[in-house]
Amino acid sequence: MDNICLRFKQPDQTALAEITLAQARQYQAEGHFPAGSMGPKIEAAIAFLESGGRDVVITSLEKAKPALQGSAGTRIIR
């Protein structure tokens, strides 16, 4: 998977292309990002943005270049 998802591996799974910092916090609080999966990545992204970072991209290593060009992964913006 090249994006973060809500309801991961559920029939109504939803891939996210872009979310805000506030949405990331909300989804984390709702339990969408478990500690053994996306949790640490989301926590690191939130910490980075809260400390002044502009945006974060989460994707697979194979999609790094397209993600930096805006055509893959999930972008989290302040």
N, C-alpha and C. Protein backbone atom coordinates (compact mmCIF):
# COMPACT_ATOMS: atom_id res chain seq x y z
N MET A 1 0.85 -1.18 0.00
CA MET A 1 0.00 0.00 0.00
C MET A 1 0.89 1.24 0.00
N ASP A 2 0.57 2.17 -0.86
CA ASP A 2 1.37 3.39 -1.00
C ASP A 2 0.79 4.59 -0.26
N ASN A 3 -0.38 4.42 0.32
CA ASN A 3 -1.03 5.50 1.07
C ASN A 3 -1.38 4.99 2.47
N ILE A 4 -1.61 5.93 3.39
CA ILE A 4 -2.20 5.51 4.65
C ILE A 4 -3.70 5.35 4.42
N CYS A 5 -4.30 4.49 5.22
CA CYS A 5 -5.71 4.16 5.01
C CYS A 5 -6.50 4.25 6.31
N LEU A 6 -7.73 4.59 6.16
CA LEU A 6 -8.69 4.45 7.25
C LEU A 6 -9.33 3.09 7.12
N ARG A 7 -9.60 2.45 8.23
CA ARG A 7 -10.24 1.13 8.25
C ARG A 7 -9.43 0.11 7.43
N PHE A 8 -8.11 0.10 7.66
CA PHE A 8 -7.18 -0.75 6.92
C PHE A 8 -7.62 -2.21 6.94
N LYS A 9 -7.60 -2.83 5.77
CA LYS A 9 -7.97 -4.23 5.54
C LYS A 9 -9.42 -4.54 5.85
N GLN A 10 -10.26 -3.52 5.89
CA GLN A 10 -11.70 -3.71 6.06
C GLN A 10 -12.37 -3.54 4.70
N PRO A 11 -13.58 -4.03 4.52
CA PRO A 11 -14.25 -3.88 3.22
C PRO A 11 -14.41 -2.42 2.78
N ASP A 12 -14.50 -1.52 3.76
CA ASP A 12 -14.69 -0.10 3.42
C ASP A 12 -13.40 0.71 3.59
N GLN A 13 -12.25 0.05 3.40
CA GLN A 13 -10.95 0.71 3.51
C GLN A 13 -10.92 1.94 2.59
N THR A 14 -10.36 3.04 3.09
CA THR A 14 -10.26 4.28 2.32
C THR A 14 -8.82 4.77 2.33
N ALA A 15 -8.20 4.84 1.15
CA ALA A 15 -6.84 5.38 1.03
C ALA A 15 -6.93 6.90 1.05
N LEU A 16 -5.96 7.52 1.72
CA LEU A 16 -5.95 8.98 1.86
C LEU A 16 -4.80 9.57 1.05
N ALA A 17 -5.10 10.51 0.17
CA ALA A 17 -4.07 11.18 -0.64
C ALA A 17 -3.49 12.37 0.11
N GLU A 18 -4.34 13.11 0.82
CA GLU A 18 -3.87 14.28 1.57
C GLU A 18 -4.79 14.51 2.77
N ILE A 19 -4.16 14.77 3.92
CA ILE A 19 -4.91 15.12 5.12
C ILE A 19 -4.18 16.25 5.83
N THR A 20 -4.90 16.89 6.73
CA THR A 20 -4.29 17.96 7.53
C THR A 20 -3.74 17.37 8.83
N LEU A 21 -2.95 18.17 9.50
CA LEU A 21 -2.43 17.78 10.81
C LEU A 21 -3.59 17.49 11.77
N ALA A 22 -4.61 18.34 11.74
CA ALA A 22 -5.78 18.14 12.61
C ALA A 22 -6.47 16.80 12.30
N GLN A 23 -6.59 16.46 11.03
CA GLN A 23 -7.21 15.19 10.67
C GLN A 23 -6.34 14.02 11.12
N ALA A 24 -5.02 14.15 10.98
CA ALA A 24 -4.11 13.09 11.43
C ALA A 24 -4.29 12.85 12.92
N ARG A 25 -4.37 13.92 13.70
CA ARG A 25 -4.59 13.78 15.15
C ARG A 25 -5.92 13.09 15.43
N GLN A 26 -6.96 13.51 14.72
CA GLN A 26 -8.30 12.94 14.93
C GLN A 26 -8.31 11.46 14.59
N TYR A 27 -7.78 11.09 13.42
CA TYR A 27 -7.77 9.69 13.02
C TYR A 27 -6.93 8.84 13.98
N GLN A 28 -5.84 9.41 14.47
CA GLN A 28 -5.01 8.70 15.44
C GLN A 28 -5.81 8.45 16.72
N ALA A 29 -6.49 9.48 17.20
CA ALA A 29 -7.30 9.37 18.42
C ALA A 29 -8.43 8.35 18.24
N GLU A 30 -8.94 8.21 17.03
CA GLU A 30 -10.01 7.26 16.74
C GLU A 30 -9.49 5.83 16.61
N GLY A 31 -8.17 5.65 16.64
CA GLY A 31 -7.59 4.31 16.60
C GLY A 31 -7.32 3.75 15.22
N HIS A 32 -7.28 4.60 14.21
CA HIS A 32 -7.04 4.11 12.84
C HIS A 32 -5.60 3.67 12.60
N PHE A 33 -4.66 4.11 13.43
CA PHE A 33 -3.25 3.83 13.19
C PHE A 33 -2.65 3.10 14.40
N PRO A 34 -2.72 1.77 14.42
CA PRO A 34 -2.26 0.99 15.56
C PRO A 34 -0.74 1.12 15.78
N ALA A 35 -0.34 0.88 17.01
CA ALA A 35 1.07 1.00 17.40
C ALA A 35 1.98 0.07 16.60
N GLY A 36 1.53 -1.10 16.24
CA GLY A 36 2.36 -2.05 15.51
C GLY A 36 2.33 -1.87 14.01
N SER A 37 1.73 -0.78 13.54
CA SER A 37 1.56 -0.58 12.11
C SER A 37 1.90 0.86 11.74
N MET A 38 0.90 1.65 11.45
CA MET A 38 1.10 3.05 11.04
C MET A 38 1.29 4.00 12.22
N GLY A 39 0.98 3.56 13.42
CA GLY A 39 1.06 4.45 14.58
C GLY A 39 2.35 5.23 14.71
N PRO A 40 3.51 4.55 14.71
CA PRO A 40 4.77 5.29 14.86
C PRO A 40 5.03 6.29 13.74
N LYS A 41 4.64 5.96 12.53
CA LYS A 41 4.84 6.87 11.40
C LYS A 41 3.98 8.12 11.57
N ILE A 42 2.72 7.92 11.98
CA ILE A 42 1.83 9.06 12.18
C ILE A 42 2.31 9.91 13.35
N GLU A 43 2.74 9.27 14.43
CA GLU A 43 3.26 10.03 15.58
C GLU A 43 4.46 10.86 15.18
N ALA A 44 5.37 10.29 14.39
CA ALA A 44 6.55 11.04 13.93
C ALA A 44 6.14 12.19 13.01
N ALA A 45 5.17 11.95 12.15
CA ALA A 45 4.70 13.01 11.24
C ALA A 45 4.08 14.15 12.04
N ILE A 46 3.26 13.82 13.02
CA ILE A 46 2.62 14.84 13.86
C ILE A 46 3.67 15.64 14.61
N ALA A 47 4.64 14.96 15.20
CA ALA A 47 5.71 15.65 15.95
C ALA A 47 6.50 16.58 15.03
N PHE A 48 6.81 16.13 13.84
CA PHE A 48 7.55 16.94 12.87
C PHE A 48 6.76 18.20 12.51
N LEU A 49 5.49 18.05 12.22
CA LEU A 49 4.66 19.19 11.84
C LEU A 49 4.45 20.15 13.01
N GLU A 50 4.28 19.60 14.20
CA GLU A 50 4.09 20.45 15.38
C GLU A 50 5.35 21.24 15.72
N SER A 51 6.51 20.74 15.30
CA SER A 51 7.75 21.45 15.59
C SER A 51 8.16 22.39 14.46
N GLY A 52 7.25 22.63 13.51
CA GLY A 52 7.51 23.62 12.48
C GLY A 52 7.65 23.08 11.07
N GLY A 53 7.64 21.77 10.89
CA GLY A 53 7.72 21.21 9.54
C GLY A 53 6.54 21.64 8.70
N ARG A 54 6.75 21.73 7.40
CA ARG A 54 5.71 22.21 6.49
C ARG A 54 4.75 21.11 6.07
N ASP A 55 5.30 19.98 5.65
CA ASP A 55 4.46 18.85 5.27
C ASP A 55 5.26 17.57 5.36
N VAL A 56 4.54 16.45 5.32
CA VAL A 56 5.12 15.11 5.43
C VAL A 56 4.49 14.27 4.32
N VAL A 57 5.29 13.37 3.76
CA VAL A 57 4.76 12.41 2.80
C VAL A 57 5.06 11.01 3.32
N ILE A 58 4.03 10.18 3.38
CA ILE A 58 4.19 8.79 3.78
C ILE A 58 3.84 7.92 2.58
N THR A 59 4.76 7.03 2.22
CA THR A 59 4.55 6.12 1.08
C THR A 59 5.51 4.96 1.18
N SER A 60 5.47 4.08 0.22
CA SER A 60 6.45 2.99 0.14
C SER A 60 7.74 3.53 -0.47
N LEU A 61 8.83 2.84 -0.21
CA LEU A 61 10.11 3.25 -0.76
C LEU A 61 10.08 3.25 -2.29
N GLU A 62 9.38 2.29 -2.87
CA GLU A 62 9.29 2.19 -4.32
C GLU A 62 8.59 3.40 -4.95
N LYS A 63 7.75 4.08 -4.19
CA LYS A 63 7.00 5.23 -4.71
C LYS A 63 7.55 6.56 -4.23
N ALA A 64 8.79 6.57 -3.71
CA ALA A 64 9.36 7.80 -3.15
C ALA A 64 9.41 8.93 -4.18
N LYS A 65 9.92 8.66 -5.37
CA LYS A 65 10.03 9.72 -6.38
C LYS A 65 8.66 10.26 -6.78
N PRO A 66 7.70 9.42 -7.16
CA PRO A 66 6.38 9.95 -7.48
C PRO A 66 5.74 10.68 -6.29
N ALA A 67 5.99 10.20 -5.08
CA ALA A 67 5.43 10.85 -3.89
C ALA A 67 5.97 12.27 -3.74
N LEU A 68 7.27 12.43 -3.97
CA LEU A 68 7.86 13.77 -3.89
C LEU A 68 7.35 14.69 -5.00
N GLN A 69 6.88 14.10 -6.08
CA GLN A 69 6.31 14.87 -7.19
C GLN A 69 4.81 15.08 -7.01
N GLY A 70 4.26 14.52 -5.93
CA GLY A 70 2.84 14.73 -5.63
C GLY A 70 1.88 13.75 -6.24
N SER A 71 2.38 12.64 -6.80
CA SER A 71 1.47 11.72 -7.47
C SER A 71 1.36 10.34 -6.80
N ALA A 72 1.87 10.22 -5.58
CA ALA A 72 1.74 8.97 -4.82
C ALA A 72 1.83 9.26 -3.34
N GLY A 73 1.44 8.31 -2.54
CA GLY A 73 1.55 8.45 -1.09
C GLY A 73 0.49 9.35 -0.49
N THR A 74 0.65 9.57 0.81
CA THR A 74 -0.24 10.46 1.56
C THR A 74 0.55 11.66 2.04
N ARG A 75 0.08 12.85 1.72
CA ARG A 75 0.70 14.08 2.18
C ARG A 75 -0.08 14.57 3.40
N ILE A 76 0.65 14.91 4.46
CA ILE A 76 0.03 15.48 5.66
C ILE A 76 0.53 16.91 5.76
N ILE A 77 -0.39 17.84 5.77
CA ILE A 77 -0.03 19.27 5.78
C ILE A 77 -0.48 19.93 7.07
N ARG A 78 0.25 21.01 7.45
CA ARG A 78 -0.12 21.74 8.66
C ARG A 78 -1.40 22.47 8.42
